[in-house]
Structures are given as structure tokens and as C-alpha cells.
């Protein structure tokens, strides 16, 4: 299990620990104040300063020998901050993890604190100018977002039942989007998103720059060669370039070091050739999150 499971999972996965969704934890962490300031300043997250340096042109700056190392350490410390002086406007202590849809459904049906709402994905809005109400937020965050009209769709009902939230997750899964669960701030959990690269700010920072804004899932995909029927559906479903087709072997091959364990390949395989295995059971991948 990842380090956050050890710290905040009470012996299990951090995102399946009911305490991390509780109103008691939210009150203890003064989550309402943190989330209000964070979301009021949400658009500025993409142009925040890291160690006093603008994040514009971050990819180039991270490659610089000395400045790059300083920026990377500072960014990781901001992302994973658990201190009492976290800056909400910078979204300190805000990061997530990829999860398969089965666990996302479990969270929505059993763990997410009500009220549950759908709201615009700010990544898609800021990157592409597209208003897509595909993000699911719950608990204290729902009340905060409701008071900020720019995030809430005006032409549709945005309050969801648990069952409706599951239906929305399934709809986005069919569109090829990856389920992610988020600390906001760690260890309080109040969001499940349906993400895709490169629009997702978190996934882009992870995939392109190697920053741990989003961790790989607790699983990796595995193909049974006896069941693979050469359909290539799994290849088109993978956002992370972890699957390729071998014309010699006439089957798909998974690079498990690149695999994020989202399960989209499994969900798009019509021959039951793919399953998810616990990451900790695969030699060489146990701590590769």
C-alpha cells in the first residue's frame, strides 16, 4: 500500500477509511474555511508561485539542474503539506489517487458524506473552455461550491442521490475517463473526479512533469494471453501509453511500470482477458506509485 494508506488508512486503503469522510474530521481541520478560500481562488492555482518562482513554463524550469531540484522539492512539499500553515489559495495538501470504478462506486454508495453534487470540471473549463458537469463533490465542499455559481450548472439539477452519482461515474467511464479520489486537504476526502489527459491539471503534472499530484492506483492491469482476441480495444482505452500491440504475438502487451491501474482497459475488453492485480503483489512495483 502507498504511504498515505499507512498514514491515513487505519490498516487499509486511505480512501476506504470512513473517518476521512467524516464531518468530525472536517470540523477538526476547519475544512470549511480552507475550502472556501481555495475555491474562491481556484483559477489562480495554475499560475501560483512555487518557492517564489512563477509556475508558468514549469516544464522547462524543472529541467534546470539546480533551480529544477529546488522547484520540485518545493512543489512536492506544497502538494503533500499536512502542516497547520497550509495556504489554501495554493491548494496546499491537495492531491489524489487513481482508483478503479468499482471502488469509486463503493465510496459513493457507502462513504461519501451528503450532500452530493455535480459541478463543472474546472480543468476542462480552464484548459478547453468546456463546461462539463462531470465532477462529483460531497460533504463540506458541496456547501462551499453551491455558493460559487460559476462552478454549478444552471440548466440542470446538480444535487445527486448516491445512485445518481454512481450512474454519472458509469457514464464517464464509458467516455474513457479515469476515476480519481482526492484529499482536500489531506486527510479529508470530498471529491471523486472523472479525469483524462491532458485536460486534467493533476494528471498532466504527474504524467508530463513527474510531480505526485496524482498517485497510481493500488492495482496494475494484467492480460491473460489465452483470452486475448486481438481486438485492440484496450489499447485505445489507455491514457498512459501502457499498452501496445505485438503483431508477432498477435496480442496486446501491458507495460506494468507505466500502468496507472485505472481499469479502463479491463472495462473495454469484451473477452475478459484483462484483470487488475494488487500492485503490492507484483515484483518491482510494490512501492511504485
C-alpha atoms as a PDB file:
ATOM      1  CA  UNK A   1       0.000   0.000   0.000  1.00  0.00           C
ATOM      2  CA  UNK A   2       1.086   3.577  -0.593  1.00  0.00           C
ATOM      3  CA  UNK A   3       2.468   5.763   2.191  1.00  0.00           C
ATOM      4  CA  UNK A   4      -0.882   7.548   2.565  1.00  0.00           C
ATOM      5  CA  UNK A   5      -2.593   4.231   3.271  1.00  0.00           C
ATOM      6  CA  UNK A   6      -0.091   3.643   6.044  1.00  0.00           C
ATOM      7  CA  UNK A   7      -0.646   7.130   7.456  1.00  0.00           C
ATOM      8  CA  UNK A   8      -4.382   7.588   6.983  1.00  0.00           C
ATOM      9  CA  UNK A   9      -5.800   4.178   6.112  1.00  0.00           C
ATOM     10  CA  UNK A  10      -6.161   2.629   9.595  1.00  0.00           C
ATOM     11  CA  UNK A  11      -4.769  -0.621   8.238  1.00  0.00           C
ATOM     12  CA  UNK A  12      -6.375  -0.367   4.800  1.00  0.00           C
ATOM     13  CA  UNK A  13      -6.553   1.962   1.806  1.00  0.00           C
ATOM     14  CA  UNK A  14      -6.667   5.650   2.750  1.00  0.00           C
ATOM     15  CA  UNK A  15      -9.707   6.309   0.575  1.00  0.00           C
ATOM     16  CA  UNK A  16     -11.704   3.463   2.161  1.00  0.00           C
ATOM     17  CA  UNK A  17     -11.254   4.768   5.713  1.00  0.00           C
ATOM     18  CA  UNK A  18     -14.655   6.154   6.769  1.00  0.00           C
ATOM     19  CA  UNK A  19     -13.049   8.616   9.202  1.00  0.00           C
ATOM     20  CA  UNK A  20     -11.511  10.548   6.297  1.00  0.00           C
ATOM     21  CA  UNK A  21     -15.020  11.444   5.065  1.00  0.00           C
ATOM     22  CA  UNK A  22     -16.487  12.407   8.433  1.00  0.00           C
ATOM     23  CA  UNK A  23     -17.925  15.765   9.416  1.00  0.00           C
ATOM     24  CA  UNK A  24     -15.999  15.452  12.683  1.00  0.00           C
ATOM     25  CA  UNK A  25     -12.697  15.422  10.795  1.00  0.00           C
ATOM     26  CA  UNK A  26     -13.868  18.339   8.631  1.00  0.00           C
ATOM     27  CA  UNK A  27     -14.662  20.387  11.743  1.00  0.00           C
ATOM     28  CA  UNK A  28     -11.366  19.492  13.374  1.00  0.00           C
ATOM     29  CA  UNK A  29      -9.445  20.628  10.294  1.00  0.00           C
ATOM     30  CA  UNK A  30     -11.582  23.747   9.762  1.00  0.00           C
ATOM     31  CA  UNK A  31     -12.202  22.414   6.270  1.00  0.00           C
ATOM     32  CA  UNK A  32     -14.951  24.921   5.509  1.00  0.00           C
ATOM     33  CA  UNK A  33     -12.560  27.869   5.838  1.00  0.00           C
ATOM     34  CA  UNK A  34      -9.823  26.097   3.868  1.00  0.00           C
ATOM     35  CA  UNK A  35     -12.131  25.037   1.022  1.00  0.00           C
ATOM     36  CA  UNK A  36     -13.838  28.428   0.778  1.00  0.00           C
ATOM     37  CA  UNK A  37     -10.531  30.216   0.265  1.00  0.00           C
ATOM     38  CA  UNK A  38      -9.223  27.504  -2.055  1.00  0.00           C
ATOM     39  CA  UNK A  39     -12.238  27.523  -4.364  1.00  0.00           C
ATOM     40  CA  UNK A  40     -12.674  31.289  -4.341  1.00  0.00           C
ATOM     41  CA  UNK A  41      -9.141  31.436  -5.747  1.00  0.00           C
ATOM     42  CA  UNK A  42      -9.330  28.251  -7.831  1.00  0.00           C
ATOM     43  CA  UNK A  43      -8.384  29.814 -11.161  1.00  0.00           C
ATOM     44  CA  UNK A  44      -5.124  31.142  -9.710  1.00  0.00           C
ATOM     45  CA  UNK A  45      -3.883  27.636  -8.837  1.00  0.00           C
ATOM     46  CA  UNK A  46      -2.486  27.232 -12.346  1.00  0.00           C
ATOM     47  CA  UNK A  47      -0.363  30.374 -12.060  1.00  0.00           C
ATOM     48  CA  UNK A  48       0.715  30.013  -8.429  1.00  0.00           C
ATOM     49  CA  UNK A  49       4.263  30.700  -7.340  1.00  0.00           C
ATOM     50  CA  UNK A  50       6.498  27.863  -6.157  1.00  0.00           C
ATOM     51  CA  UNK A  51       9.366  28.864  -3.849  1.00  0.00           C
ATOM     52  CA  UNK A  52       8.826  32.420  -5.099  1.00  0.00           C
ATOM     53  CA  UNK A  53       9.087  31.355  -8.762  1.00  0.00           C
ATOM     54  CA  UNK A  54       6.168  31.536 -11.211  1.00  0.00           C
ATOM     55  CA  UNK A  55       4.810  28.146 -12.308  1.00  0.00           C
ATOM     56  CA  UNK A  56       4.440  29.423 -15.886  1.00  0.00           C
ATOM     57  CA  UNK A  57       6.865  27.441 -18.034  1.00  0.00           C
ATOM     58  CA  UNK A  58       7.163  24.859 -15.255  1.00  0.00           C
ATOM     59  CA  UNK A  59       8.307  22.031 -17.526  1.00  0.00           C
ATOM     60  CA  UNK A  60      11.387  23.931 -18.660  1.00  0.00           C
ATOM     61  CA  UNK A  61      12.197  25.203 -15.167  1.00  0.00           C
ATOM     62  CA  UNK A  62      12.020  21.700 -13.666  1.00  0.00           C
ATOM     63  CA  UNK A  63      14.731  20.573 -16.089  1.00  0.00           C
ATOM     64  CA  UNK A  64      17.238  23.158 -14.864  1.00  0.00           C
ATOM     65  CA  UNK A  65      19.955  21.467 -12.764  1.00  0.00           C
ATOM     66  CA  UNK A  66      19.702  23.453  -9.521  1.00  0.00           C
ATOM     67  CA  UNK A  67      16.535  25.533  -9.853  1.00  0.00           C
ATOM     68  CA  UNK A  68      14.667  22.465 -11.076  1.00  0.00           C
ATOM     69  CA  UNK A  69      15.595  20.461  -7.996  1.00  0.00           C
ATOM     70  CA  UNK A  70      14.566  23.289  -5.684  1.00  0.00           C
ATOM     71  CA  UNK A  71      11.252  23.776  -7.502  1.00  0.00           C
ATOM     72  CA  UNK A  72      10.452  20.055  -7.488  1.00  0.00           C
ATOM     73  CA  UNK A  73      11.080  19.750  -3.746  1.00  0.00           C
ATOM     74  CA  UNK A  74       9.059  22.878  -3.024  1.00  0.00           C
ATOM     75  CA  UNK A  75       6.168  21.729  -5.221  1.00  0.00           C
ATOM     76  CA  UNK A  76       6.068  18.272  -3.619  1.00  0.00           C
ATOM     77  CA  UNK A  77       6.078  19.838  -0.148  1.00  0.00           C
ATOM     78  CA  UNK A  78       3.161  22.087  -1.108  1.00  0.00           C
ATOM     79  CA  UNK A  79       1.180  19.239  -2.659  1.00  0.00           C
ATOM     80  CA  UNK A  80       1.599  16.957   0.349  1.00  0.00           C
ATOM     81  CA  UNK A  81       1.561  19.537   3.121  1.00  0.00           C
ATOM     82  CA  UNK A  82      -0.108  18.467   6.370  1.00  0.00           C
ATOM     83  CA  UNK A  83       1.098  21.420   8.420  1.00  0.00           C
ATOM     84  CA  UNK A  84      -1.042  23.975  10.169  1.00  0.00           C
ATOM     85  CA  UNK A  85       0.127  26.803   7.912  1.00  0.00           C
ATOM     86  CA  UNK A  86      -1.109  25.404   4.602  1.00  0.00           C
ATOM     87  CA  UNK A  87      -2.018  28.046   2.046  1.00  0.00           C
ATOM     88  CA  UNK A  88      -5.495  27.230   0.669  1.00  0.00           C
ATOM     89  CA  UNK A  89      -5.109  29.623  -2.279  1.00  0.00           C
ATOM     90  CA  UNK A  90      -2.178  27.481  -3.461  1.00  0.00           C
ATOM     91  CA  UNK A  91      -4.189  24.285  -2.771  1.00  0.00           C
ATOM     92  CA  UNK A  92      -1.536  23.033  -0.326  1.00  0.00           C
ATOM     93  CA  UNK A  93      -2.329  19.482   0.800  1.00  0.00           C
ATOM     94  CA  UNK A  94      -4.490  18.745  -2.243  1.00  0.00           C
ATOM     95  CA  UNK A  95      -3.701  15.588  -4.221  1.00  0.00           C
ATOM     96  CA  UNK A  96      -5.389  12.396  -5.343  1.00  0.00           C
ATOM     97  CA  UNK A  97      -5.074   8.810  -6.473  1.00  0.00           C
ATOM     98  CA  UNK A  98      -6.399   6.825  -9.422  1.00  0.00           C
ATOM     99  CA  UNK A  99      -8.956   4.180  -8.455  1.00  0.00           C
ATOM    100  CA  UNK A 100     -10.947   1.622 -10.479  1.00  0.00           C
ATOM    101  CA  UNK A 101     -14.631   2.391 -10.954  1.00  0.00           C
ATOM    102  CA  UNK A 102     -15.669  -0.432  -8.632  1.00  0.00           C
ATOM    103  CA  UNK A 103     -14.054   1.353  -5.685  1.00  0.00           C
ATOM    104  CA  UNK A 104     -15.415   4.731  -6.813  1.00  0.00           C
ATOM    105  CA  UNK A 105     -18.922   3.246  -6.673  1.00  0.00           C
ATOM    106  CA  UNK A 106     -18.257   1.808  -3.226  1.00  0.00           C
ATOM    107  CA  UNK A 107     -17.234   5.260  -1.990  1.00  0.00           C
ATOM    108  CA  UNK A 108     -20.327   6.932  -3.431  1.00  0.00           C
ATOM    109  CA  UNK A 109     -22.728   4.339  -2.032  1.00  0.00           C
ATOM    110  CA  UNK A 110     -21.208   3.927   1.415  1.00  0.00           C
ATOM    111  CA  UNK A 111     -18.639   6.554   2.411  1.00  0.00           C
ATOM    112  CA  UNK A 112     -19.227   9.943   0.766  1.00  0.00           C
ATOM    113  CA  UNK A 113     -20.828  12.420   3.161  1.00  0.00           C
ATOM    114  CA  UNK A 114     -24.013  14.080   1.925  1.00  0.00           C
ATOM    115  CA  UNK A 115     -24.925  16.388   0.270  1.00  0.00           C
ATOM    116  CA  UNK A 116     -23.542  15.115  -3.044  1.00  0.00           C
ATOM    117  CA  UNK A 117     -23.391  17.438  -6.054  1.00  0.00           C
ATOM    118  CA  UNK A 118     -22.096  17.508  -9.599  1.00  0.00           C
ATOM    119  CA  UNK A 119     -20.228  20.578 -10.784  1.00  0.00           C
ATOM    120  CA  UNK A 120     -18.150  21.813 -13.679  1.00  0.00           C
ATOM    121  CA  UNK A 121     -14.724  20.276 -14.131  1.00  0.00           C
ATOM    122  CA  UNK A 122     -12.514  23.323 -13.723  1.00  0.00           C
ATOM    123  CA  UNK A 123      -9.625  21.650 -15.535  1.00  0.00           C
ATOM    124  CA  UNK A 124     -11.681  21.220 -18.721  1.00  0.00           C
ATOM    125  CA  UNK A 125     -13.128  24.697 -18.346  1.00  0.00           C
ATOM    126  CA  UNK A 126      -9.758  26.422 -17.970  1.00  0.00           C
ATOM    127  CA  UNK A 127      -7.885  24.250 -20.477  1.00  0.00           C
ATOM    128  CA  UNK A 128     -10.532  23.924 -23.191  1.00  0.00           C
ATOM    129  CA  UNK A 129     -13.324  26.356 -22.340  1.00  0.00           C
ATOM    130  CA  UNK A 130     -15.729  23.424 -21.975  1.00  0.00           C
ATOM    131  CA  UNK A 131     -18.383  23.413 -19.239  1.00  0.00           C
ATOM    132  CA  UNK A 132     -18.762  19.731 -18.362  1.00  0.00           C
ATOM    133  CA  UNK A 133     -20.522  18.957 -15.062  1.00  0.00           C
ATOM    134  CA  UNK A 134     -18.769  15.636 -14.526  1.00  0.00           C
ATOM    135  CA  UNK A 135     -17.011  16.200 -11.174  1.00  0.00           C
ATOM    136  CA  UNK A 136     -18.662  14.839  -8.022  1.00  0.00           C
ATOM    137  CA  UNK A 137     -18.114  16.625  -4.723  1.00  0.00           C
ATOM    138  CA  UNK A 138     -19.571  15.864  -1.317  1.00  0.00           C
ATOM    139  CA  UNK A 139     -19.509  16.765   2.341  1.00  0.00           C
ATOM    140  CA  UNK A 140     -18.386  20.258   3.342  1.00  0.00           C
ATOM    141  CA  UNK A 141     -17.138  21.013  -0.176  1.00  0.00           C
ATOM    142  CA  UNK A 142     -20.650  20.730  -1.642  1.00  0.00           C
ATOM    143  CA  UNK A 143     -21.864  23.604   0.521  1.00  0.00           C
ATOM    144  CA  UNK A 144     -18.863  25.716  -0.425  1.00  0.00           C
ATOM    145  CA  UNK A 145     -19.272  25.164  -4.172  1.00  0.00           C
ATOM    146  CA  UNK A 146     -23.004  25.904  -4.090  1.00  0.00           C
ATOM    147  CA  UNK A 147     -22.195  29.476  -3.027  1.00  0.00           C
ATOM    148  CA  UNK A 148     -19.907  29.963  -6.044  1.00  0.00           C
ATOM    149  CA  UNK A 149     -22.268  29.986  -9.058  1.00  0.00           C
ATOM    150  CA  UNK A 150     -19.520  29.799 -11.677  1.00  0.00           C
ATOM    151  CA  UNK A 151     -18.909  26.180 -10.714  1.00  0.00           C
ATOM    152  CA  UNK A 152     -22.517  24.984 -10.719  1.00  0.00           C
ATOM    153  CA  UNK A 153     -24.585  24.191 -13.841  1.00  0.00           C
ATOM    154  CA  UNK A 154     -27.626  26.472 -14.051  1.00  0.00           C
ATOM    155  CA  UNK A 155     -29.580  24.429 -16.593  1.00  0.00           C
ATOM    156  CA  UNK A 156     -29.742  21.089 -14.794  1.00  0.00           C
ATOM    157  CA  UNK A 157     -30.346  19.658 -11.327  1.00  0.00           C
ATOM    158  CA  UNK A 158     -26.988  19.310  -9.658  1.00  0.00           C
ATOM    159  CA  UNK A 159     -27.872  17.638  -6.354  1.00  0.00           C
ATOM    160  CA  UNK A 160     -27.420  13.876  -6.709  1.00  0.00           C
ATOM    161  CA  UNK A 161     -28.610  10.811  -4.876  1.00  0.00           C
ATOM    162  CA  UNK A 162     -25.979   8.154  -4.259  1.00  0.00           C
ATOM    163  CA  UNK A 163     -27.448   6.074  -7.071  1.00  0.00           C
ATOM    164  CA  UNK A 164     -27.374   9.028  -9.478  1.00  0.00           C
ATOM    165  CA  UNK A 165     -23.743   9.642  -8.583  1.00  0.00           C
ATOM    166  CA  UNK A 166     -22.947   6.034  -9.489  1.00  0.00           C
ATOM    167  CA  UNK A 167     -24.748   6.475 -12.816  1.00  0.00           C
ATOM    168  CA  UNK A 168     -22.643   9.572 -13.533  1.00  0.00           C
ATOM    169  CA  UNK A 169     -19.462   7.628 -12.786  1.00  0.00           C
ATOM    170  CA  UNK A 170     -20.562   4.878 -15.166  1.00  0.00           C
ATOM    171  CA  UNK A 171     -21.396   7.413 -17.870  1.00  0.00           C
ATOM    172  CA  UNK A 172     -17.935   8.963 -17.627  1.00  0.00           C
ATOM    173  CA  UNK A 173     -16.309   5.544 -17.558  1.00  0.00           C
ATOM    174  CA  UNK A 174     -17.965   4.787 -20.908  1.00  0.00           C
ATOM    175  CA  UNK A 175     -16.453   8.047 -22.210  1.00  0.00           C
ATOM    176  CA  UNK A 176     -12.994   6.749 -21.315  1.00  0.00           C
ATOM    177  CA  UNK A 177     -12.391   8.836 -18.219  1.00  0.00           C
ATOM    178  CA  UNK A 178     -10.326   7.737 -15.226  1.00  0.00           C
ATOM    179  CA  UNK A 179     -11.778   7.745 -11.690  1.00  0.00           C
ATOM    180  CA  UNK A 180      -9.704   9.673  -9.160  1.00  0.00           C
ATOM    181  CA  UNK A 181     -10.306  10.360  -5.450  1.00  0.00           C
ATOM    182  CA  UNK A 182      -8.945  13.482  -3.721  1.00  0.00           C
ATOM    183  CA  UNK A 183      -7.664  14.731  -0.395  1.00  0.00           C
ATOM    184  CA  UNK A 184      -8.733  18.351   0.015  1.00  0.00           C
ATOM    185  CA  UNK A 185      -6.865  18.975   2.287  1.00  0.00           C
ATOM    186  CA  UNK A 186      -5.180  15.770   3.412  1.00  0.00           C
ATOM    187  CA  UNK A 187      -6.585  13.703   5.135  1.00  0.00           C
ATOM    188  CA  UNK A 188     -10.130  14.992   4.467  1.00  0.00           C
ATOM    189  CA  UNK A 189     -11.755  13.446   1.353  1.00  0.00           C
ATOM    190  CA  UNK A 190     -14.542  15.236  -0.513  1.00  0.00           C
ATOM    191  CA  UNK A 191     -14.257  14.622  -4.262  1.00  0.00           C
ATOM    192  CA  UNK A 192     -14.268  11.981  -6.966  1.00  0.00           C
ATOM    193  CA  UNK A 193     -13.384  13.191 -10.440  1.00  0.00           C
ATOM    194  CA  UNK A 194     -13.537  11.597 -13.880  1.00  0.00           C
ATOM    195  CA  UNK A 195     -10.266  12.650 -15.473  1.00  0.00           C
ATOM    196  CA  UNK A 196      -8.462  12.477 -18.780  1.00  0.00           C
ATOM    197  CA  UNK A 197      -5.109  13.671 -20.029  1.00  0.00           C
ATOM    198  CA  UNK A 198      -4.017  16.264 -20.957  1.00  0.00           C
ATOM    199  CA  UNK A 199      -7.004  18.350 -19.763  1.00  0.00           C
ATOM    200  CA  UNK A 200      -6.717  17.202 -16.137  1.00  0.00           C
ATOM    201  CA  UNK A 201      -4.302  19.507 -14.330  1.00  0.00           C
ATOM    202  CA  UNK A 202      -3.403  16.845 -11.779  1.00  0.00           C
ATOM    203  CA  UNK A 203      -2.730  14.088 -14.310  1.00  0.00           C
ATOM    204  CA  UNK A 204      -0.778  16.422 -16.557  1.00  0.00           C
ATOM    205  CA  UNK A 205       1.521  17.478 -13.715  1.00  0.00           C
ATOM    206  CA  UNK A 206       2.099  13.791 -12.925  1.00  0.00           C
ATOM    207  CA  UNK A 207       2.472  12.406 -16.457  1.00  0.00           C
ATOM    208  CA  UNK A 208       4.412  15.287 -18.022  1.00  0.00           C
ATOM    209  CA  UNK A 209       6.412  16.582 -15.053  1.00  0.00           C
ATOM    210  CA  UNK A 210       6.580  13.655 -12.621  1.00  0.00           C
ATOM    211  CA  UNK A 211       5.006  15.590  -9.723  1.00  0.00           C
ATOM    212  CA  UNK A 212       2.927  13.430  -7.396  1.00  0.00           C
ATOM    213  CA  UNK A 213      -0.312  15.376  -7.733  1.00  0.00           C
ATOM    214  CA  UNK A 214      -1.996  12.063  -8.582  1.00  0.00           C
ATOM    215  CA  UNK A 215      -0.753   8.666  -7.451  1.00  0.00           C
ATOM    216  CA  UNK A 216      -1.097   5.445  -9.399  1.00  0.00           C
ATOM    217  CA  UNK A 217      -3.799   3.045  -8.244  1.00  0.00           C
ATOM    218  CA  UNK A 218      -3.294   0.196  -5.807  1.00  0.00           C
ATOM    219  CA  UNK A 219      -3.560  -2.121  -8.816  1.00  0.00           C
ATOM    220  CA  UNK A 220      -1.927  -2.916 -12.145  1.00  0.00           C
ATOM    221  CA  UNK A 221      -3.538  -4.472 -15.215  1.00  0.00           C
ATOM    222  CA  UNK A 222      -2.602  -7.940 -16.431  1.00  0.00           C
ATOM    223  CA  UNK A 223      -3.548  -9.683 -19.698  1.00  0.00           C
ATOM    224  CA  UNK A 224      -4.259 -13.402 -19.989  1.00  0.00           C
ATOM    225  CA  UNK A 225      -2.833 -14.352 -23.416  1.00  0.00           C
ATOM    226  CA  UNK A 226      -5.233 -17.290 -23.707  1.00  0.00           C
ATOM    227  CA  UNK A 227      -8.223 -14.920 -23.708  1.00  0.00           C
ATOM    228  CA  UNK A 228      -6.847 -12.015 -25.777  1.00  0.00           C
ATOM    229  CA  UNK A 229      -8.705 -11.933 -29.111  1.00  0.00           C
ATOM    230  CA  UNK A 230      -6.610  -9.339 -30.952  1.00  0.00           C
ATOM    231  CA  UNK A 231      -9.371  -6.654 -30.826  1.00  0.00           C
ATOM    232  CA  UNK A 232      -7.081  -3.786 -29.649  1.00  0.00           C
ATOM    233  CA  UNK A 233      -9.892  -2.141 -27.641  1.00  0.00           C
ATOM    234  CA  UNK A 234      -7.681  -1.955 -24.554  1.00  0.00           C
ATOM    235  CA  UNK A 235      -5.005  -0.008 -26.435  1.00  0.00           C
ATOM    236  CA  UNK A 236      -7.350   2.801 -27.403  1.00  0.00           C
ATOM    237  CA  UNK A 237      -8.722   2.935 -23.831  1.00  0.00           C
ATOM    238  CA  UNK A 238      -5.345   3.503 -22.132  1.00  0.00           C
ATOM    239  CA  UNK A 239      -4.477   7.151 -21.451  1.00  0.00           C
ATOM    240  CA  UNK A 240      -0.997   6.379 -20.180  1.00  0.00           C
ATOM    241  CA  UNK A 241       0.631   4.605 -23.122  1.00  0.00           C
ATOM    242  CA  UNK A 242       0.966   1.426 -21.091  1.00  0.00           C
ATOM    243  CA  UNK A 243      -0.437  -0.981 -23.720  1.00  0.00           C
ATOM    244  CA  UNK A 244       0.945  -1.848 -27.140  1.00  0.00           C
ATOM    245  CA  UNK A 245       0.083  -4.398 -29.790  1.00  0.00           C
ATOM    246  CA  UNK A 246       2.509  -7.109 -30.854  1.00  0.00           C
ATOM    247  CA  UNK A 247       1.930  -8.105 -34.478  1.00  0.00           C
ATOM    248  CA  UNK A 248       4.241 -11.093 -33.985  1.00  0.00           C
ATOM    249  CA  UNK A 249       2.408 -12.445 -30.936  1.00  0.00           C
ATOM    250  CA  UNK A 250      -0.944 -11.129 -32.204  1.00  0.00           C
ATOM    251  CA  UNK A 251      -1.995  -9.817 -28.820  1.00  0.00           C
ATOM    252  CA  UNK A 252      -1.793  -6.788 -26.582  1.00  0.00           C
ATOM    253  CA  UNK A 253       1.065  -6.351 -24.116  1.00  0.00           C
ATOM    254  CA  UNK A 254       0.987  -4.250 -20.937  1.00  0.00           C
ATOM    255  CA  UNK A 255       3.971  -2.342 -19.600  1.00  0.00           C
ATOM    256  CA  UNK A 256       3.073  -2.591 -15.919  1.00  0.00           C
ATOM    257  CA  UNK A 257       5.633   0.056 -14.956  1.00  0.00           C
ATOM    258  CA  UNK A 258       3.620   2.586 -16.970  1.00  0.00           C
ATOM    259  CA  UNK A 259       0.223   1.268 -15.863  1.00  0.00           C
ATOM    260  CA  UNK A 260      -1.810   3.524 -13.545  1.00  0.00           C
ATOM    261  CA  UNK A 261      -4.230   0.735 -12.631  1.00  0.00           C
ATOM    262  CA  UNK A 262      -7.385   2.647 -13.591  1.00  0.00           C
ATOM    263  CA  UNK A 263      -9.083  -0.420 -15.091  1.00  0.00           C
ATOM    264  CA  UNK A 264     -10.333   1.272 -18.275  1.00  0.00           C
ATOM    265  CA  UNK A 265      -8.612  -1.388 -20.371  1.00  0.00           C
ATOM    266  CA  UNK A 266     -10.408  -4.085 -18.380  1.00  0.00           C
ATOM    267  CA  UNK A 267     -13.739  -2.298 -18.750  1.00  0.00           C
ATOM    268  CA  UNK A 268     -13.273  -2.069 -22.535  1.00  0.00           C
ATOM    269  CA  UNK A 269     -12.185  -5.692 -23.044  1.00  0.00           C
ATOM    270  CA  UNK A 270     -15.133  -7.761 -24.282  1.00  0.00           C
ATOM    271  CA  UNK A 271     -13.316 -11.061 -23.828  1.00  0.00           C
ATOM    272  CA  UNK A 272     -12.469 -10.911 -20.101  1.00  0.00           C
ATOM    273  CA  UNK A 273      -8.787 -11.057 -20.959  1.00  0.00           C
ATOM    274  CA  UNK A 274      -7.724  -8.337 -18.513  1.00  0.00           C
ATOM    275  CA  UNK A 275      -7.852  -8.249 -14.731  1.00  0.00           C
ATOM    276  CA  UNK A 276      -6.473  -5.943 -12.057  1.00  0.00           C
ATOM    277  CA  UNK A 277      -3.864  -7.308  -9.669  1.00  0.00           C
ATOM    278  CA  UNK A 278      -2.769  -5.744  -6.363  1.00  0.00           C
ATOM    279  CA  UNK A 279       0.283  -3.601  -7.059  1.00  0.00           C
ATOM    280  CA  UNK A 280       1.962  -4.808  -3.867  1.00  0.00           C
ATOM    281  CA  UNK A 281       1.931  -8.391  -5.195  1.00  0.00           C
ATOM    282  CA  UNK A 282       3.925  -7.556  -8.346  1.00  0.00           C
ATOM    283  CA  UNK A 283       7.687  -7.805  -8.021  1.00  0.00           C
ATOM    284  CA  UNK A 284       9.328  -4.432  -8.589  1.00  0.00           C
ATOM    285  CA  UNK A 285       6.068  -2.455  -8.403  1.00  0.00           C
ATOM    286  CA  UNK A 286       5.252  -2.644  -4.707  1.00  0.00           C
ATOM    287  CA  UNK A 287       6.325   0.926  -3.981  1.00  0.00           C
ATOM    288  CA  UNK A 288       5.911   2.325  -7.492  1.00  0.00           C
ATOM    289  CA  UNK A 289       3.022   4.755  -7.061  1.00  0.00           C
END
